[in-house]
């Protein structure tokens, strides 16, 4: 006879029925208190590319299809067809307005289109009078709207103009009307979401929908704030604190964009660290890069020491590839750098063993996401005055270089993994005008902010700067923050004089007085660091070869006659 199974008796059945009843009661009770929320909680998307946003994760009603809906359906589900919607660059009474009107109250935003005569070069002139202390140069007018005529919006929808895309293959878009539409949208969002800057009221959530094949300007609308990118539609939930700073910036580089803006007859300080909801104790660092060889190690050591000598307390970060030896790394750490290992990035346009073969490694700057902002400085530069205040600027801030372009030798960027990934993709599509990182970054960031030229004082002279004819030297301008040493580097010459004078094709880089400023930093270094700036045999041979040629040519500057006493020379 089979034995009776445990748990099959009447008592067990009664216990099981009771347990099931209690479970059902708890389930019903719990569901009663479930919040009926219609707002979106966006999870951290920094590590995703916009093209990967189809797998976004949000806390929204379950009836939303797994496949992304068109923007109208998305906004309709978020606001339950009760949204206040502003329409920018969308025809009043057209089909597009009717479609959005089904989701709530719509207002077609009216503004005068910027004049066709205004070109990008007018917004980003090659030169401006930076010495005007109380009156900024005039910029072309970019009409905005009368904001008081519109209520606060929940959603701003904009159709993005593309400009002449056919003629801009391989280049960044530089279309003034496209910029105007982006700025109109940004101002609407800030005014709708940030009503009170001082009394601590929470920001309102405002969504932005862009429609068009060209898409929005990523210099204004950050990819970190992108929720969905599907086809020709982009949906953002902007970080209003950062967007507020952008709308306070000049429309181009026709004005200086300093952390402390100068307006009218008095000074108005825009200290963005003191706005409501600031980045608490912002993480900021100066950064430089060494890759492919150790030729610039001495320059990097001098750069770190120059920053420290100005009294800065910011972090110093050096990105180094495997070409930098263990012994050298220790010297770099001693000089003040925190070293981060990188894998160098090849320039798609660079030839093998060319100087620019690996200079796209600068893209690695955007991977430093442990910092909110970093100021990159080329390692052939020194800092003469404390420049910490320039961390108050937004991305991308730099000094003008040529036409409407900036110089990438010193620039402020805001690290972001999604920007890094986008730049990695763009490096195969955007064509660098000079074959290097500077040309590439200028096509990626067409809208940038102008820093004063004295922040990145280029040691190159074309007859436009002061010259002391009696000493055959160039005079350093006043109030210079930093010097960028073009031509033959100071540590590659004797300290007695600038060896750029020995070559006619390099004399435009020659200046004994500016050369000596680098050696002032060197003299203030600890002795144990100075040895890393010694002359190699190859350097010494090269200097003597050109000194001999200068002597034979009897060059008028007479530097070849100087009796060299530099103990670094290899006699």
Protein backbone atom coordinates (compact mmCIF):
# COMPACT_ATOMS: atom_id res chain seq x y z
CA UNK A 1 0.00 0.00 0.00
CA UNK A 2 1.30 3.37 -0.91
CA UNK A 3 2.11 5.65 1.99
CA UNK A 4 0.03 8.83 2.46
CA UNK A 5 1.90 11.96 1.33
CA UNK A 6 2.68 14.67 3.90
CA UNK A 7 0.73 17.84 3.39
CA UNK A 8 -2.22 16.18 1.66
CA UNK A 9 -4.49 16.20 4.76
CA UNK A 10 -7.37 18.58 5.53
CA UNK A 11 -5.25 20.78 7.83
CA UNK A 12 -2.72 21.52 5.08
CA UNK A 13 -5.47 22.36 2.58
CA UNK A 14 -7.05 24.77 5.05
CA UNK A 15 -3.65 26.43 5.68
CA UNK A 16 -3.00 26.80 1.94
CA UNK A 17 -6.42 28.40 1.34
CA UNK A 18 -5.85 30.86 4.20
CA UNK A 19 -2.39 31.81 2.91
CA UNK A 20 -3.76 32.43 -0.60
CA UNK A 21 -6.52 34.66 0.78
CA UNK A 22 -4.06 36.78 2.74
CA UNK A 23 -1.80 37.17 -0.32
CA UNK A 24 -4.69 38.34 -2.50
CA UNK A 25 -5.75 40.85 0.16
CA UNK A 26 -2.23 42.30 0.36
CA UNK A 27 -2.02 42.54 -3.43
CA UNK A 28 -5.30 44.48 -3.63
CA UNK A 29 -4.26 46.77 -0.76
CA UNK A 30 -0.89 47.50 -2.38
CA UNK A 31 -2.40 48.35 -5.76
CA UNK A 32 -4.72 50.86 -4.07
CA UNK A 33 -1.73 52.99 -3.09
CA UNK A 34 0.10 52.88 -6.45
CA UNK A 35 0.73 56.50 -7.57
CA UNK A 36 -0.84 57.43 -10.87
CA UNK A 37 2.13 59.30 -12.24
CA UNK A 38 2.32 60.71 -15.73
CA UNK A 39 5.72 62.39 -15.50
CA UNK A 40 8.85 60.93 -16.99
CA UNK A 41 11.79 59.84 -14.90
CA UNK A 42 14.72 59.57 -17.29
CA UNK A 43 17.48 57.19 -16.34
CA UNK A 44 21.15 58.05 -16.81
CA UNK A 45 21.81 58.02 -20.55
CA UNK A 46 25.31 59.48 -20.66
CA UNK A 47 26.94 56.33 -21.98
CA UNK A 48 24.56 55.96 -24.91
CA UNK A 49 24.74 57.45 -28.33
CA UNK A 50 21.66 59.26 -29.63
CA UNK A 51 21.19 56.49 -32.18
CA UNK A 52 20.91 54.00 -29.33
CA UNK A 53 18.06 55.78 -27.59
CA UNK A 54 15.48 53.34 -28.92
CA UNK A 55 16.11 51.23 -25.82
CA UNK A 56 15.40 54.09 -23.42
CA UNK A 57 14.01 53.20 -20.00
CA UNK A 58 11.36 55.39 -18.40
CA UNK A 59 8.72 55.28 -15.70
CA UNK A 60 5.67 55.91 -17.89
CA UNK A 61 2.27 54.25 -18.31
CA UNK A 62 2.55 50.66 -19.50
CA UNK A 63 0.24 51.21 -22.48
CA UNK A 64 3.07 52.99 -24.33
CA UNK A 65 4.16 50.63 -27.15
CA UNK A 66 7.62 49.11 -26.86
CA UNK A 67 8.51 50.60 -30.24
CA UNK A 68 9.09 54.35 -30.13
CA UNK A 69 6.09 56.43 -31.09
CA UNK A 70 6.27 59.62 -33.14
CA UNK A 71 6.90 62.76 -31.07
CA UNK A 72 3.19 63.66 -30.95
CA UNK A 73 2.25 60.30 -29.50
CA UNK A 74 5.07 60.50 -26.99
CA UNK A 75 4.09 63.98 -25.73
CA UNK A 76 0.43 62.97 -25.72
CA UNK A 77 1.09 60.06 -23.39
CA UNK A 78 3.27 62.17 -21.08
CA UNK A 79 0.78 65.03 -20.67
CA UNK A 80 -2.47 63.15 -21.28
CA UNK A 81 -3.30 65.55 -24.11
CA UNK A 82 -3.22 68.59 -21.83
CA UNK A 83 0.12 70.23 -22.74
CA UNK A 84 0.91 73.89 -23.35
CA UNK A 85 2.94 73.79 -26.56
CA UNK A 86 5.02 76.49 -28.23
CA UNK A 87 5.63 76.05 -31.97
CA UNK A 88 8.79 77.60 -33.45
CA UNK A 89 9.37 77.97 -37.22
CA UNK A 90 6.09 76.15 -37.86
CA UNK A 91 3.45 77.66 -40.15
CA UNK A 92 0.34 78.94 -38.42
CA UNK A 93 -2.79 77.10 -39.53
CA UNK A 94 -0.85 74.35 -41.26
CA UNK A 95 -1.13 70.59 -40.84
CA UNK A 96 1.71 70.47 -38.33
CA UNK A 97 -0.02 72.95 -36.03
CA UNK A 98 -3.26 71.00 -36.26
CA UNK A 99 -1.48 67.79 -35.31
CA UNK A 100 0.06 69.34 -32.20
CA UNK A 101 -3.19 71.17 -31.33
CA UNK A 102 -4.76 67.78 -30.68
CA UNK A 103 -2.42 67.42 -27.69
CA UNK A 104 -3.31 70.65 -25.89
CA UNK A 105 -3.12 74.43 -26.24
CA UNK A 106 -0.68 75.54 -28.94
CA UNK A 107 0.87 78.93 -29.65
CA UNK A 108 2.77 79.66 -32.85
CA UNK A 109 5.76 81.72 -31.73
CA UNK A 110 6.30 84.83 -33.83
CA UNK A 111 9.73 86.37 -34.41
CA UNK A 112 11.45 88.23 -37.24
CA UNK A 113 13.82 86.04 -39.23
CA UNK A 114 17.43 87.19 -39.17
CA UNK A 115 18.42 89.19 -42.25
CA UNK A 116 19.86 87.12 -45.08
CA UNK A 117 22.76 89.57 -45.42
CA UNK A 118 24.15 88.48 -42.03
CA UNK A 119 26.67 85.69 -42.50
CA UNK A 120 28.46 83.40 -40.06
CA UNK A 121 31.68 85.38 -40.38
CA UNK A 122 29.81 88.45 -39.09
CA UNK A 123 28.99 86.61 -35.86
CA UNK A 124 32.52 85.19 -35.56
CA UNK A 125 34.88 87.90 -36.80
CA UNK A 126 38.58 87.17 -36.96
CA UNK A 127 39.45 90.18 -34.81
CA UNK A 128 37.62 92.35 -32.27
CA UNK A 129 38.81 95.24 -30.09
CA UNK A 130 39.31 93.33 -26.84
CA UNK A 131 40.65 96.33 -24.94
CA UNK A 132 37.28 98.09 -24.79
CA UNK A 133 36.72 97.90 -21.02
CA UNK A 134 33.27 99.47 -20.72
CA UNK A 135 31.81 99.10 -24.18
CA UNK A 136 31.70 95.83 -26.05
CA UNK A 137 31.91 95.77 -29.85
CA UNK A 138 28.58 95.65 -31.66
CA UNK A 139 27.28 92.30 -32.87
CA UNK A 140 24.81 91.79 -35.73
CA UNK A 141 21.25 91.66 -34.43
CA UNK A 142 19.69 88.23 -34.06
CA UNK A 143 15.99 89.01 -33.49
CA UNK A 144 14.28 87.25 -30.60
CA UNK A 145 10.60 87.22 -29.70
CA UNK A 146 8.63 89.25 -27.16
CA UNK A 147 8.59 86.69 -24.39
CA UNK A 148 5.92 88.53 -22.37
CA UNK A 149 3.45 87.74 -25.16
CA UNK A 150 3.62 84.01 -24.42
CA UNK A 151 2.75 81.83 -21.47
CA UNK A 152 5.02 79.23 -19.95
CA UNK A 153 5.19 76.14 -22.12
CA UNK A 154 5.40 72.47 -21.20
CA UNK A 155 6.78 71.61 -24.62
CA UNK A 156 8.60 73.63 -27.27
CA UNK A 157 8.48 72.18 -30.79
CA UNK A 158 10.76 73.53 -33.52
CA UNK A 159 11.38 72.78 -37.17
CA UNK A 160 15.12 73.10 -37.80
CA UNK A 161 16.30 74.79 -41.01
CA UNK A 162 19.26 73.13 -42.68
CA UNK A 163 20.89 75.83 -44.76
CA UNK A 164 22.86 74.81 -47.85
CA UNK A 165 23.68 71.23 -46.89
CA UNK A 166 24.92 70.27 -50.35
CA UNK A 167 27.90 72.63 -50.17
CA UNK A 168 28.77 71.68 -46.61
CA UNK A 169 29.65 68.01 -46.99
CA UNK A 170 32.43 67.21 -44.53
CA UNK A 171 31.95 70.52 -42.72
CA UNK A 172 30.02 71.63 -39.68
CA UNK A 173 26.84 73.57 -40.38
CA UNK A 174 27.28 77.33 -40.15
CA UNK A 175 23.78 78.62 -40.84
CA UNK A 176 22.68 81.83 -39.10
CA UNK A 177 18.93 81.10 -39.31
CA UNK A 178 19.49 77.63 -37.81
CA UNK A 179 21.37 79.28 -34.93
CA UNK A 180 18.53 81.79 -34.46
CA UNK A 181 15.91 79.03 -34.20
CA UNK A 182 18.03 77.15 -31.65
CA UNK A 183 18.46 80.32 -29.56
CA UNK A 184 14.74 81.14 -29.69
CA UNK A 185 13.97 77.64 -28.43
CA UNK A 186 16.63 77.85 -25.70
CA UNK A 187 15.28 81.18 -24.44
CA UNK A 188 11.70 79.88 -24.42
CA UNK A 189 12.72 76.81 -22.44
CA UNK A 190 14.69 78.80 -19.86
CA UNK A 191 11.86 81.27 -19.36
CA UNK A 192 9.29 78.51 -19.10
CA UNK A 193 11.27 76.30 -16.75
CA UNK A 194 13.24 78.75 -14.59
CA UNK A 195 10.81 81.44 -13.47
CA UNK A 196 12.58 82.26 -10.22
CA UNK A 197 16.37 82.35 -10.04
CA UNK A 198 16.78 83.51 -6.47
CA UNK A 199 14.00 82.26 -4.18
CA UNK A 200 14.68 78.54 -4.56
CA UNK A 201 11.57 77.41 -6.47
CA UNK A 202 12.07 74.11 -8.25
CA UNK A 203 12.63 74.11 -12.00
CA UNK A 204 9.68 73.07 -14.11
CA UNK A 205 10.27 70.24 -16.53
CA UNK A 206 10.13 71.47 -20.11
CA UNK A 207 10.53 69.16 -23.08
CA UNK A 208 11.92 70.15 -26.47
CA UNK A 209 11.06 68.46 -29.75
CA UNK A 210 13.19 69.19 -32.82
CA UNK A 211 12.09 68.11 -36.28
CA UNK A 212 14.29 68.17 -39.38
CA UNK A 213 17.09 66.28 -41.10
CA UNK A 214 19.83 68.60 -39.77
CA UNK A 215 18.83 68.30 -36.15
CA UNK A 216 19.51 70.74 -33.31
CA UNK A 217 22.84 72.39 -32.47
CA UNK A 218 24.55 70.11 -29.99
CA UNK A 219 26.63 73.07 -28.78
CA UNK A 220 23.39 74.38 -27.21
CA UNK A 221 21.31 71.25 -26.62
CA UNK A 222 23.56 68.66 -25.01
CA UNK A 223 23.44 65.04 -26.09
CA UNK A 224 23.39 64.16 -22.36
CA UNK A 225 19.88 65.65 -22.24
CA UNK A 226 18.63 63.71 -25.27
CA UNK A 227 15.82 61.26 -24.47
CA UNK A 228 14.90 59.98 -27.92
CA UNK A 229 16.33 60.26 -31.41
CA UNK A 230 14.20 58.51 -34.01
CA UNK A 231 14.59 59.41 -37.70
CA UNK A 232 14.28 63.18 -38.07
CA UNK A 233 12.93 63.72 -34.56
CA UNK A 234 14.82 64.58 -31.37
CA UNK A 235 13.24 64.87 -27.90
CA UNK A 236 15.17 66.54 -25.06
CA UNK A 237 14.70 67.32 -21.41
CA UNK A 238 17.34 70.09 -21.04
CA UNK A 239 19.41 70.79 -17.94
CA UNK A 240 18.04 74.28 -17.39
CA UNK A 241 20.96 75.45 -15.28
CA UNK A 242 23.40 74.85 -18.14
CA UNK A 243 20.98 76.18 -20.75
CA UNK A 244 20.58 79.40 -18.76
CA UNK A 245 24.31 80.01 -19.06
CA UNK A 246 24.17 79.45 -22.81
CA UNK A 247 21.43 82.05 -23.38
CA UNK A 248 23.49 84.63 -21.44
CA UNK A 249 26.43 84.20 -23.82
CA UNK A 250 26.93 86.51 -26.82
CA UNK A 251 25.40 85.10 -29.99
CA UNK A 252 28.85 84.50 -31.47
CA UNK A 253 32.46 85.45 -30.84
CA UNK A 254 31.88 89.08 -31.84
CA UNK A 255 32.05 89.84 -28.09
CA UNK A 256 34.26 88.50 -25.34
CA UNK A 257 32.54 85.81 -23.30
CA UNK A 258 34.20 86.21 -19.92
CA UNK A 259 32.87 84.67 -16.70
CA UNK A 260 32.15 88.23 -15.52
CA UNK A 261 30.31 89.94 -18.35
CA UNK A 262 30.52 93.69 -18.86
CA UNK A 263 27.30 95.37 -19.87
CA UNK A 264 26.34 99.01 -20.37
CA UNK A 265 28.00 101.53 -18.11
CA UNK A 266 28.49 99.20 -15.16
CA UNK A 267 29.65 95.70 -14.45
CA UNK A 268 27.10 92.93 -14.10
CA UNK A 269 28.48 89.71 -12.67
CA UNK A 270 27.09 86.43 -13.93
CA UNK A 271 28.56 84.03 -11.42
CA UNK A 272 26.83 80.86 -12.54
CA UNK A 273 28.09 78.94 -9.52
CA UNK A 274 25.72 81.01 -7.36
CA UNK A 275 22.54 80.40 -9.34
CA UNK A 276 19.80 78.21 -7.94
CA UNK A 277 20.74 74.51 -8.16
CA UNK A 278 24.43 74.99 -9.03
CA UNK A 279 26.95 72.22 -9.38
CA UNK A 280 28.03 71.89 -5.75
CA UNK A 281 31.79 72.18 -5.41
CA UNK A 282 32.42 71.81 -9.14
CA UNK A 283 35.15 69.38 -10.09
CA UNK A 284 37.59 71.19 -12.34
CA UNK A 285 41.05 70.44 -13.71
CA UNK A 286 43.78 71.63 -16.05
CA UNK A 287 44.72 68.95 -18.57
CA UNK A 288 47.47 68.32 -21.10
CA UNK A 289 48.38 65.34 -23.29
CA UNK A 290 51.61 63.49 -24.10
CA UNK A 291 51.60 60.77 -26.73
CA UNK A 292 53.87 59.08 -29.27
CA UNK A 293 57.17 60.36 -27.78
CA UNK A 294 58.77 62.08 -24.79
CA UNK A 295 59.84 65.19 -26.73
CA UNK A 296 57.41 67.42 -24.81
CA UNK A 297 57.96 66.02 -21.32
CA UNK A 298 60.02 69.04 -20.24
CA UNK A 299 57.30 71.35 -21.57
CA UNK A 300 54.63 69.48 -19.58
CA UNK A 301 56.72 69.74 -16.40
CA UNK A 302 57.19 73.49 -16.91
CA UNK A 303 53.46 73.92 -17.62
CA UNK A 304 52.49 72.20 -14.36
CA UNK A 305 54.98 74.25 -12.40
CA UNK A 306 53.78 77.50 -13.99
CA UNK A 307 50.16 76.75 -13.01
CA UNK A 308 51.18 75.88 -9.45
CA UNK A 309 53.29 79.06 -9.23
CA UNK A 310 50.14 81.13 -9.92
CA UNK A 311 48.53 79.76 -6.76
CA UNK A 312 45.92 77.59 -8.47
CA UNK A 313 44.51 74.72 -6.40
CA UNK A 314 42.81 72.94 -9.31
CA UNK A 315 43.69 69.36 -10.21
CA UNK A 316 46.37 68.83 -12.85
CA UNK A 317 45.68 65.85 -15.12
CA UNK A 318 48.02 64.50 -17.79
CA UNK A 319 46.83 62.00 -20.39
CA UNK A 320 49.72 59.74 -21.41
CA UNK A 321 50.02 56.81 -23.78
CA UNK A 322 52.42 53.88 -23.51
CA UNK A 323 55.31 55.84 -25.06
CA UNK A 324 55.88 57.64 -21.73
CA UNK A 325 58.25 55.56 -19.60
CA UNK A 326 57.81 54.65 -15.94
CA UNK A 327 60.74 56.84 -14.91
CA UNK A 328 59.36 59.82 -16.81
CA UNK A 329 55.91 59.31 -15.34
CA UNK A 330 57.38 59.59 -11.87
CA UNK A 331 58.96 62.94 -12.78
CA UNK A 332 55.65 64.15 -14.19
CA UNK A 333 53.89 63.16 -10.96
CA UNK A 334 56.55 64.98 -8.94
CA UNK A 335 55.90 68.11 -11.01
CA UNK A 336 52.21 68.02 -10.04
CA UNK A 337 50.42 65.93 -12.68
CA UNK A 338 47.94 63.15 -12.00
CA UNK A 339 48.52 60.70 -14.83
CA UNK A 340 45.79 58.86 -16.68
CA UNK A 341 46.65 56.20 -19.25
CA UNK A 342 45.09 56.53 -22.67
CA UNK A 343 45.15 54.70 -25.95
CA UNK A 344 46.05 57.22 -28.63
CA UNK A 345 43.59 57.97 -31.46
CA UNK A 346 44.73 58.04 -35.06
CA UNK A 347 43.93 60.99 -37.26
CA UNK A 348 42.03 59.63 -40.30
CA UNK A 349 43.86 62.21 -42.44
CA UNK A 350 47.31 61.76 -40.88
CA UNK A 351 50.07 59.98 -42.76
CA UNK A 352 52.22 57.36 -41.10
CA UNK A 353 54.93 58.89 -38.88
CA UNK A 354 53.70 62.42 -39.67
CA UNK A 355 53.52 65.00 -36.86
CA UNK A 356 49.71 64.89 -36.92
CA UNK A 357 49.27 61.11 -37.18
CA UNK A 358 47.92 60.70 -33.63
CA UNK A 359 46.77 64.19 -32.66
CA UNK A 360 43.11 63.18 -32.57
CA UNK A 361 44.04 61.79 -29.15
CA UNK A 362 42.76 65.15 -27.89
CA UNK A 363 39.25 63.67 -28.20
CA UNK A 364 40.09 61.67 -25.04
CA UNK A 365 39.50 64.89 -23.06
CA UNK A 366 35.77 64.22 -23.19
CA UNK A 367 36.25 60.93 -21.33
CA UNK A 368 37.28 62.76 -18.14
CA UNK A 369 33.73 62.54 -16.79
CA UNK A 370 34.91 62.66 -13.20
CA UNK A 371 35.27 66.42 -13.84
CA UNK A 372 32.52 68.91 -14.65
CA UNK A 373 34.86 71.15 -16.63
CA UNK A 374 38.46 70.98 -17.78
CA UNK A 375 40.73 73.55 -19.37
CA UNK A 376 43.07 71.91 -21.85
CA UNK A 377 46.46 73.55 -22.39
CA UNK A 378 49.09 72.46 -24.92
CA UNK A 379 52.30 71.34 -23.24
CA UNK A 380 54.39 73.92 -25.13
CA UNK A 381 52.71 76.67 -23.10
CA UNK A 382 53.17 78.32 -19.70
CA UNK A 383 50.72 80.23 -17.50
CA UNK A 384 51.84 83.60 -16.13
CA UNK A 385 48.75 84.61 -14.10
CA UNK A 386 46.05 82.66 -12.30
CA UNK A 387 43.32 81.76 -14.81
CA UNK A 388 40.98 79.80 -12.52
CA UNK A 389 38.17 82.29 -13.16
CA UNK A 390 37.91 81.07 -16.74
CA UNK A 391 36.35 77.84 -15.48
CA UNK A 392 33.20 79.97 -15.24
CA UNK A 393 32.86 79.79 -19.03
CA UNK A 394 30.78 77.14 -20.84
CA UNK A 395 31.84 74.64 -23.49
CA UNK A 396 33.42 75.38 -25.91
CA UNK A 397 35.44 78.46 -24.97
CA UNK A 398 38.72 79.33 -26.67
CA UNK A 399 40.77 82.11 -28.26
CA UNK A 400 40.16 83.14 -31.85
CA UNK A 401 42.64 81.90 -34.43
CA UNK A 402 41.76 82.62 -38.05
CA UNK A 403 38.56 83.83 -39.74
CA UNK A 404 35.69 82.32 -37.71
CA UNK A 405 37.87 79.58 -36.18
CA UNK A 406 39.30 79.08 -32.69
CA UNK A 407 42.73 77.90 -31.55
CA UNK A 408 42.58 74.54 -29.75
CA UNK A 409 45.85 75.17 -27.85
CA UNK A 410 43.83 76.22 -24.81
CA UNK A 411 40.11 75.61 -24.49
CA UNK A 412 37.41 74.76 -21.98
CA UNK A 413 35.35 71.62 -22.50
CA UNK A 414 32.72 69.80 -20.45
CA UNK A 415 33.53 66.06 -20.38
CA UNK A 416 30.77 63.73 -21.56
CA UNK A 417 30.83 60.15 -22.76
CA UNK A 418 28.10 60.73 -25.32
CA UNK A 419 30.05 63.69 -26.77
CA UNK A 420 33.18 61.51 -26.87
CA UNK A 421 31.32 58.81 -28.80
CA UNK A 422 29.81 61.33 -31.20
CA UNK A 423 33.23 62.87 -31.87
CA UNK A 424 34.64 59.42 -32.54
CA UNK A 425 31.93 58.91 -35.16
CA UNK A 426 32.29 62.41 -36.62
CA UNK A 427 36.06 62.08 -37.10
CA UNK A 428 35.39 59.98 -40.20
CA UNK A 429 32.87 62.47 -41.62
CA UNK A 430 34.14 65.95 -40.79
CA UNK A 431 37.15 67.17 -42.77
CA UNK A 432 39.84 69.09 -40.88
CA UNK A 433 40.86 72.27 -42.70
CA UNK A 434 44.48 71.95 -41.43
CA UNK A 435 44.68 68.17 -41.27
CA UNK A 436 44.82 68.22 -37.45
CA UNK A 437 42.68 68.19 -34.34
CA UNK A 438 42.12 71.95 -34.43
CA UNK A 439 40.48 71.82 -37.85
CA UNK A 440 38.35 68.85 -36.84
CA UNK A 441 37.13 70.42 -33.58
CA UNK A 442 36.23 73.63 -35.42
CA UNK A 443 33.91 71.66 -37.68
CA UNK A 444 32.40 69.78 -34.72
CA UNK A 445 31.87 72.92 -32.58
CA UNK A 446 30.90 75.69 -34.98
CA UNK A 447 29.34 77.82 -32.19
CA UNK A 448 31.99 78.71 -29.63
CA UNK A 449 32.76 81.47 -27.11
CA UNK A 450 35.64 83.93 -27.38
CA UNK A 451 38.29 84.23 -24.69
CA UNK A 452 40.75 87.17 -24.79
CA UNK A 453 43.80 86.58 -26.99
CA UNK A 454 46.13 87.29 -24.07
CA UNK A 455 45.00 83.98 -22.55
CA UNK A 456 46.70 82.11 -25.39
CA UNK A 457 49.40 84.57 -26.49
CA UNK A 458 50.94 83.00 -29.58
CA UNK A 459 54.69 83.50 -29.85
CA UNK A 460 54.63 84.43 -33.51
CA UNK A 461 55.13 87.86 -35.03
CA UNK A 462 54.17 89.12 -38.47
CA UNK A 463 55.17 92.75 -38.11
CA UNK A 464 51.95 93.74 -36.33
CA UNK A 465 53.35 93.77 -32.77
CA UNK A 466 55.71 96.11 -31.01
CA UNK A 467 59.39 95.68 -31.83
CA UNK A 468 62.44 97.04 -30.06
CA UNK A 469 64.71 97.74 -33.03
CA UNK A 470 67.77 98.37 -30.85
CA UNK A 471 67.69 94.89 -29.36
CA UNK A 472 66.20 93.07 -32.35
CA UNK A 473 63.53 91.66 -30.08
CA UNK A 474 59.79 91.44 -29.71
CA UNK A 475 58.08 92.93 -26.64
CA UNK A 476 55.56 90.91 -24.65
CA UNK A 477 52.20 92.66 -24.44
CA UNK A 478 50.85 93.66 -21.04
CA UNK A 479 48.31 91.61 -19.08
CA UNK A 480 49.22 88.34 -20.77
CA UNK A 481 47.81 85.29 -18.97
CA UNK A 482 49.72 82.62 -20.84
CA UNK A 483 52.23 82.12 -23.64
CA UNK A 484 52.01 79.46 -26.35
CA UNK A 485 55.55 78.81 -27.67
CA UNK A 486 55.38 78.23 -31.40
CA UNK A 487 58.49 77.42 -33.41
CA UNK A 488 61.53 75.86 -31.71
CA UNK A 489 60.71 75.27 -28.04
CA UNK A 490 62.69 76.97 -25.23
CA UNK A 491 63.97 73.70 -23.76
CA UNK A 492 65.17 72.71 -27.22
CA UNK A 493 67.38 75.85 -27.36
CA UNK A 494 70.09 77.37 -25.18
CA UNK A 495 68.82 79.52 -22.34
CA UNK A 496 71.18 82.35 -23.43
CA UNK A 497 69.03 83.25 -26.42
CA UNK A 498 66.14 82.10 -28.58
CA UNK A 499 67.61 79.91 -31.31
CA UNK A 500 64.65 80.68 -33.60
CA UNK A 501 66.78 83.67 -34.63
CA UNK A 502 69.31 81.38 -36.34
CA UNK A 503 66.88 80.43 -39.12
CA UNK A 504 65.32 82.96 -41.46
CA UNK A 505 62.22 80.80 -41.85
CA UNK A 506 61.83 80.68 -38.03
CA UNK A 507 62.66 84.27 -37.11
CA UNK A 508 58.98 85.15 -36.90
CA UNK A 509 58.98 82.98 -33.75
CA UNK A 510 62.05 84.70 -32.28
CA UNK A 511 61.92 86.74 -29.04
CA UNK A 512 64.62 86.73 -26.36
CA UNK A 513 62.38 88.43 -23.79
CA UNK A 514 59.52 85.96 -24.23
CA UNK A 515 62.06 83.13 -24.38
CA UNK A 516 63.40 84.27 -20.99
CA UNK A 517 59.92 84.10 -19.40
CA UNK A 518 59.93 80.34 -19.88
CA UNK A 519 63.32 80.11 -18.17
CA UNK A 520 61.95 82.03 -15.19
CA UNK A 521 59.54 79.13 -14.65
CA UNK A 522 62.43 76.70 -15.09
CA UNK A 523 64.55 78.48 -12.47
CA UNK A 524 61.71 78.26 -9.93
CA UNK A 525 61.43 74.49 -10.39
CA UNK A 526 62.92 72.07 -7.86
CA UNK A 527 66.40 71.02 -9.04
CA UNK A 528 65.32 67.40 -9.34
CA UNK A 529 62.90 68.39 -12.12
CA UNK A 530 65.33 70.57 -14.08
CA UNK A 531 67.33 67.55 -15.19
CA UNK A 532 64.40 66.46 -17.36
CA UNK A 533 64.97 69.58 -19.46
CA UNK A 534 68.52 68.73 -20.45
CA UNK A 535 69.75 68.96 -24.02
CA UNK A 536 70.13 65.72 -25.91
CA UNK A 537 73.07 65.23 -28.23
CA UNK A 538 70.73 65.49 -31.19
CA UNK A 539 69.36 68.86 -29.97
CA UNK A 540 72.87 70.20 -29.46
CA UNK A 541 74.00 69.14 -32.94
CA UNK A 542 70.95 70.81 -34.49
CA UNK A 543 71.53 74.11 -32.61
CA UNK A 544 75.22 74.25 -33.59
CA UNK A 545 74.41 73.46 -37.23
CA UNK A 546 72.07 76.42 -37.53
CA UNK A 547 74.37 78.70 -35.50
CA UNK A 548 77.10 77.94 -38.02
CA UNK A 549 74.80 78.71 -40.94
CA UNK A 550 73.67 81.98 -39.30
CA UNK A 551 77.33 82.95 -38.78
CA UNK A 552 78.16 82.12 -42.41
CA UNK A 553 75.17 84.15 -43.62
CA UNK A 554 76.13 86.98 -41.24
CA UNK A 555 72.49 87.41 -40.16
CA UNK A 556 71.88 90.97 -39.02
CA UNK A 557 70.34 90.12 -35.64
CA UNK A 558 73.78 88.90 -34.52
CA UNK A 559 72.57 86.17 -32.15
CA UNK A 560 75.12 83.79 -33.60
CA UNK A 561 77.82 85.98 -31.98
CA UNK A 562 76.54 85.42 -28.43
CA UNK A 563 78.97 83.52 -26.19
CA UNK A 564 76.83 80.66 -24.89
CA UNK A 565 77.16 79.89 -21.19
CA UNK A 566 74.23 77.50 -20.83
CA UNK A 567 75.55 74.57 -18.71
CA UNK A 568 73.15 72.31 -20.58
CA UNK A 569 75.21 72.49 -23.79
CA UNK A 570 77.15 69.37 -24.67
CA UNK A 571 80.68 70.65 -25.25
